[in-house]
Structures are given as structure tokens and as C-alpha cells.
């Protein structure tokens, strides 16, 4: 059983109850019980919200995948990430820099000035998450397309 009860609005209670029932079903499918105390639940939800705040945007993980694959120059990133505007890419890179995932390096000794966005050591902690999401995405696509 998944335990996580709070005094929240009725609209959120519905979402929480749906989330709880989904997790219960997942636990049954996996042959395991999923149980958290209220403090554990709140801690897990808060940590997940924090993580999604940083990497949950439309472009964030795509940018990190490109950076971790060696695309470090702005125009190279924009060409690699089909459909992203320069303005959005610039904003996303600033956010990633604020969160310690990217370091902006300017080489003013070259003409024209070279600006690169390099993944930090800390950003490498996303690799396992990216691999897991990729693996799940491949399996999910196969499952969904097999039904058609």
C-alpha cells in the first residue's frame, strides 16, 4: 500500500488518489508492495518535483544529450536540436548553467570569439537517468506500436 495523505485541495486529492492507485497497480504487477510512510512519501514527492523542475522541460534533456555527445558550440547545438529557436536555446543554456550542469567557456583570444558550453562533472550524473529513459522509451514505443 502506498501511504501519502495530506490536507490538500480536492482537485489535488483526485490526482493523488489516481497516483496512489496507479502505484498500487504497478506494485501488484511487479509482485511487490510499495509502501512509504507519510514523511518518506513527502520526501520522495519533493525530490521528484525538484528533479523534474531542473530536467523536466521540453528541451532540457535533449540539450544535455547533445552536450554529453560532444556538441558544445551554440550553432552546433541549434542544428542538432531540430526545431529549437536561438532564444529558447539561450534561455535553456542559462538555466542549465545556473543549475551547475553546464559551464559557459569564452575564448576571447580567438577571432571570432569562441563560446562553448561544456557539460560539468555534475552533469554526468544524468547519464544513468538518460540511459534509463532511453531504454524505457524504446520499450514503450514497441509496446504501443505492437497494439496497432
C-alpha atoms as a PDB file:
ATOM      1  CA  UNK A   1       0.000   0.000   0.000  1.00  0.00           C
ATOM      2  CA  UNK A   2       1.200   3.469  -0.814  1.00  0.00           C
ATOM      3  CA  UNK A   3       0.579   5.896   2.029  1.00  0.00           C
ATOM      4  CA  UNK A   4       0.639   9.609   1.348  1.00  0.00           C
ATOM      5  CA  UNK A   5      -2.159  11.690   2.790  1.00  0.00           C
ATOM      6  CA  UNK A   6      -2.144  15.435   3.220  1.00  0.00           C
ATOM      7  CA  UNK A   7      -4.650  18.223   3.675  1.00  0.00           C
ATOM      8  CA  UNK A   8      -4.753  19.438   0.110  1.00  0.00           C
ATOM      9  CA  UNK A   9      -7.437  20.704  -2.219  1.00  0.00           C
ATOM     10  CA  UNK A  10      -9.988  18.211  -3.545  1.00  0.00           C
ATOM     11  CA  UNK A  11      -8.647  18.616  -7.082  1.00  0.00           C
ATOM     12  CA  UNK A  12      -5.188  17.546  -5.943  1.00  0.00           C
ATOM     13  CA  UNK A  13      -6.643  14.710  -3.851  1.00  0.00           C
ATOM     14  CA  UNK A  14      -8.113  13.204  -7.003  1.00  0.00           C
ATOM     15  CA  UNK A  15      -4.712  13.369  -8.690  1.00  0.00           C
ATOM     16  CA  UNK A  16      -3.016  11.964  -5.603  1.00  0.00           C
ATOM     17  CA  UNK A  17      -5.575   9.140  -5.344  1.00  0.00           C
ATOM     18  CA  UNK A  18      -5.077   8.321  -9.027  1.00  0.00           C
ATOM     19  CA  UNK A  19      -1.321   8.356  -8.466  1.00  0.00           C
ATOM     20  CA  UNK A  20      -1.720   6.109  -5.418  1.00  0.00           C
ATOM     21  CA  UNK A  21      -3.931   3.623  -7.247  1.00  0.00           C
ATOM     22  CA  UNK A  22      -1.546   3.586 -10.219  1.00  0.00           C
ATOM     23  CA  UNK A  23       1.398   2.866  -7.940  1.00  0.00           C
ATOM     24  CA  UNK A  24      -0.578   0.130  -6.174  1.00  0.00           C
ATOM     25  CA  UNK A  25      -1.324  -1.497  -9.530  1.00  0.00           C
ATOM     26  CA  UNK A  26       2.318  -1.179 -10.554  1.00  0.00           C
ATOM     27  CA  UNK A  27       3.383  -2.783  -7.278  1.00  0.00           C
ATOM     28  CA  UNK A  28       0.947  -5.654  -7.795  1.00  0.00           C
ATOM     29  CA  UNK A  29       2.227  -6.174 -11.337  1.00  0.00           C
ATOM     30  CA  UNK A  30       5.780  -6.274 -10.096  1.00  0.00           C
ATOM     31  CA  UNK A  31       4.819  -8.615  -7.261  1.00  0.00           C
ATOM     32  CA  UNK A  32       5.970  -6.085  -4.676  1.00  0.00           C
ATOM     33  CA  UNK A  33       4.205  -3.885  -2.205  1.00  0.00           C
ATOM     34  CA  UNK A  34       5.061  -0.231  -2.440  1.00  0.00           C
ATOM     35  CA  UNK A  35       4.814   1.338   0.983  1.00  0.00           C
ATOM     36  CA  UNK A  36       6.049   4.635   2.290  1.00  0.00           C
ATOM     37  CA  UNK A  37       5.317   6.438   5.478  1.00  0.00           C
ATOM     38  CA  UNK A  38       3.945   9.957   5.144  1.00  0.00           C
ATOM     39  CA  UNK A  39       7.370  11.591   5.713  1.00  0.00           C
ATOM     40  CA  UNK A  40       9.013   9.244   3.188  1.00  0.00           C
ATOM     41  CA  UNK A  41       6.263   9.923   0.671  1.00  0.00           C
ATOM     42  CA  UNK A  42       6.556  13.681   1.103  1.00  0.00           C
ATOM     43  CA  UNK A  43      10.339  13.469   0.786  1.00  0.00           C
ATOM     44  CA  UNK A  44      10.070  11.352  -2.402  1.00  0.00           C
ATOM     45  CA  UNK A  45       7.483  13.660  -3.955  1.00  0.00           C
ATOM     46  CA  UNK A  46       9.525  16.767  -3.118  1.00  0.00           C
ATOM     47  CA  UNK A  47      12.725  15.245  -4.509  1.00  0.00           C
ATOM     48  CA  UNK A  48      10.940  14.187  -7.703  1.00  0.00           C
ATOM     49  CA  UNK A  49       9.449  17.651  -8.107  1.00  0.00           C
ATOM     50  CA  UNK A  50      12.910  19.186  -7.677  1.00  0.00           C
ATOM     51  CA  UNK A  51      14.401  16.862 -10.285  1.00  0.00           C
ATOM     52  CA  UNK A  52      11.585  17.490 -12.765  1.00  0.00           C
ATOM     53  CA  UNK A  53      11.919  21.229 -12.241  1.00  0.00           C
ATOM     54  CA  UNK A  54      15.528  21.026 -13.438  1.00  0.00           C
ATOM     55  CA  UNK A  55      15.275  18.439 -16.239  1.00  0.00           C
ATOM     56  CA  UNK A  56      11.556  18.304 -16.998  1.00  0.00           C
ATOM     57  CA  UNK A  57      11.419  20.949 -19.719  1.00  0.00           C
ATOM     58  CA  UNK A  58      10.782  20.139 -23.361  1.00  0.00           C
ATOM     59  CA  UNK A  59      14.389  20.791 -24.383  1.00  0.00           C
ATOM     60  CA  UNK A  60      16.474  20.264 -21.250  1.00  0.00           C
ATOM     61  CA  UNK A  61      17.296  16.570 -21.572  1.00  0.00           C
ATOM     62  CA  UNK A  62      17.696  16.904 -25.330  1.00  0.00           C
ATOM     63  CA  UNK A  63      20.253  19.662 -24.798  1.00  0.00           C
ATOM     64  CA  UNK A  64      22.073  17.592 -22.183  1.00  0.00           C
ATOM     65  CA  UNK A  65      22.171  14.587 -24.522  1.00  0.00           C
ATOM     66  CA  UNK A  66      23.646  16.768 -27.272  1.00  0.00           C
ATOM     67  CA  UNK A  67      26.200  18.304 -24.894  1.00  0.00           C
ATOM     68  CA  UNK A  68      27.218  14.930 -23.470  1.00  0.00           C
ATOM     69  CA  UNK A  69      27.587  13.699 -27.067  1.00  0.00           C
ATOM     70  CA  UNK A  70      30.158  16.394 -27.839  1.00  0.00           C
ATOM     71  CA  UNK A  71      28.101  19.203 -29.385  1.00  0.00           C
ATOM     72  CA  UNK A  72      29.389  22.223 -27.472  1.00  0.00           C
ATOM     73  CA  UNK A  73      29.033  25.260 -29.744  1.00  0.00           C
ATOM     74  CA  UNK A  74      25.765  27.217 -29.827  1.00  0.00           C
ATOM     75  CA  UNK A  75      25.119  26.879 -33.581  1.00  0.00           C
ATOM     76  CA  UNK A  76      26.085  23.208 -33.484  1.00  0.00           C
ATOM     77  CA  UNK A  77      23.573  22.638 -30.687  1.00  0.00           C
ATOM     78  CA  UNK A  78      20.874  24.516 -32.563  1.00  0.00           C
ATOM     79  CA  UNK A  79      21.459  22.457 -35.729  1.00  0.00           C
ATOM     80  CA  UNK A  80      21.456  19.216 -33.724  1.00  0.00           C
ATOM     81  CA  UNK A  81      18.244  20.052 -31.871  1.00  0.00           C
ATOM     82  CA  UNK A  82      15.767  20.409 -34.719  1.00  0.00           C
ATOM     83  CA  UNK A  83      13.084  22.977 -34.026  1.00  0.00           C
ATOM     84  CA  UNK A  84      14.657  24.881 -31.139  1.00  0.00           C
ATOM     85  CA  UNK A  85      14.879  28.639 -31.548  1.00  0.00           C
ATOM     86  CA  UNK A  86      18.012  30.584 -30.647  1.00  0.00           C
ATOM     87  CA  UNK A  87      16.105  32.405 -27.918  1.00  0.00           C
ATOM     88  CA  UNK A  88      14.867  29.199 -26.281  1.00  0.00           C
ATOM     89  CA  UNK A  89      18.282  27.532 -26.559  1.00  0.00           C
ATOM     90  CA  UNK A  90      19.947  30.548 -24.975  1.00  0.00           C
ATOM     91  CA  UNK A  91      17.483  30.539 -22.073  1.00  0.00           C
ATOM     92  CA  UNK A  92      17.818  26.794 -21.535  1.00  0.00           C
ATOM     93  CA  UNK A  93      21.625  27.009 -21.517  1.00  0.00           C
ATOM     94  CA  UNK A  94      21.459  29.807 -18.921  1.00  0.00           C
ATOM     95  CA  UNK A  95      19.171  27.668 -16.738  1.00  0.00           C
ATOM     96  CA  UNK A  96      21.490  24.675 -17.093  1.00  0.00           C
ATOM     97  CA  UNK A  97      24.431  26.881 -16.108  1.00  0.00           C
ATOM     98  CA  UNK A  98      22.555  28.151 -13.034  1.00  0.00           C
ATOM     99  CA  UNK A  99      21.847  24.536 -12.026  1.00  0.00           C
ATOM    100  CA  UNK A 100      25.506  23.573 -12.368  1.00  0.00           C
ATOM    101  CA  UNK A 101      25.036  21.241 -15.332  1.00  0.00           C
ATOM    102  CA  UNK A 102      26.790  23.388 -17.945  1.00  0.00           C
ATOM    103  CA  UNK A 103      29.794  25.681 -17.889  1.00  0.00           C
ATOM    104  CA  UNK A 104      29.998  28.540 -20.394  1.00  0.00           C
ATOM    105  CA  UNK A 105      33.582  28.984 -21.596  1.00  0.00           C
ATOM    106  CA  UNK A 106      34.587  32.045 -23.630  1.00  0.00           C
ATOM    107  CA  UNK A 107      37.873  32.102 -25.556  1.00  0.00           C
ATOM    108  CA  UNK A 108      38.408  35.798 -26.343  1.00  0.00           C
ATOM    109  CA  UNK A 109      41.883  35.137 -27.782  1.00  0.00           C
ATOM    110  CA  UNK A 110      40.385  33.690 -30.956  1.00  0.00           C
ATOM    111  CA  UNK A 111      38.796  35.728 -33.730  1.00  0.00           C
ATOM    112  CA  UNK A 112      35.864  35.499 -33.803  1.00  0.00           C
ATOM    113  CA  UNK A 113      35.394  34.918 -30.086  1.00  0.00           C
ATOM    114  CA  UNK A 114      34.616  31.258 -29.387  1.00  0.00           C
ATOM    115  CA  UNK A 115      31.911  30.386 -26.855  1.00  0.00           C
ATOM    116  CA  UNK A 116      31.466  26.791 -25.814  1.00  0.00           C
ATOM    117  CA  UNK A 117      29.031  25.146 -23.416  1.00  0.00           C
ATOM    118  CA  UNK A 118      30.689  22.263 -21.652  1.00  0.00           C
ATOM    119  CA  UNK A 119      28.980  19.637 -19.514  1.00  0.00           C
ATOM    120  CA  UNK A 120      30.210  19.723 -15.924  1.00  0.00           C
ATOM    121  CA  UNK A 121      31.279  16.690 -13.918  1.00  0.00           C
ATOM    122  CA  UNK A 122      27.978  17.033 -12.064  1.00  0.00           C
ATOM    123  CA  UNK A 123      26.030  16.752 -15.338  1.00  0.00           C
ATOM    124  CA  UNK A 124      27.479  13.303 -15.865  1.00  0.00           C
ATOM    125  CA  UNK A 125      25.239  12.148 -13.004  1.00  0.00           C
ATOM    126  CA  UNK A 126      22.367  12.443 -15.524  1.00  0.00           C
ATOM    127  CA  UNK A 127      23.804   9.699 -17.747  1.00  0.00           C
ATOM    128  CA  UNK A 128      22.100   6.843 -15.884  1.00  0.00           C
ATOM    129  CA  UNK A 129      18.785   8.713 -15.959  1.00  0.00           C
ATOM    130  CA  UNK A 130      19.155   9.372 -19.686  1.00  0.00           C
ATOM    131  CA  UNK A 131      20.032   5.719 -20.388  1.00  0.00           C
ATOM    132  CA  UNK A 132      17.063   4.528 -18.323  1.00  0.00           C
ATOM    133  CA  UNK A 133      14.660   6.921 -20.074  1.00  0.00           C
ATOM    134  CA  UNK A 134      16.019   5.916 -23.474  1.00  0.00           C
ATOM    135  CA  UNK A 135      15.628   2.224 -22.680  1.00  0.00           C
ATOM    136  CA  UNK A 136      12.101   2.750 -21.366  1.00  0.00           C
ATOM    137  CA  UNK A 137      11.193   4.904 -24.379  1.00  0.00           C
ATOM    138  CA  UNK A 138      12.307   2.209 -26.820  1.00  0.00           C
ATOM    139  CA  UNK A 139      10.352  -0.480 -24.956  1.00  0.00           C
ATOM    140  CA  UNK A 140       7.300   1.755 -24.636  1.00  0.00           C
ATOM    141  CA  UNK A 141       7.269   2.601 -28.336  1.00  0.00           C
ATOM    142  CA  UNK A 142       7.490  -1.100 -29.231  1.00  0.00           C
ATOM    143  CA  UNK A 143       4.639  -1.904 -26.859  1.00  0.00           C
ATOM    144  CA  UNK A 144       2.393   0.884 -28.151  1.00  0.00           C
ATOM    145  CA  UNK A 145       3.100   0.265 -31.846  1.00  0.00           C
ATOM    146  CA  UNK A 146       2.593  -3.503 -31.384  1.00  0.00           C
ATOM    147  CA  UNK A 147      -1.050  -2.834 -30.374  1.00  0.00           C
ATOM    148  CA  UNK A 148      -1.892  -1.135 -33.663  1.00  0.00           C
END
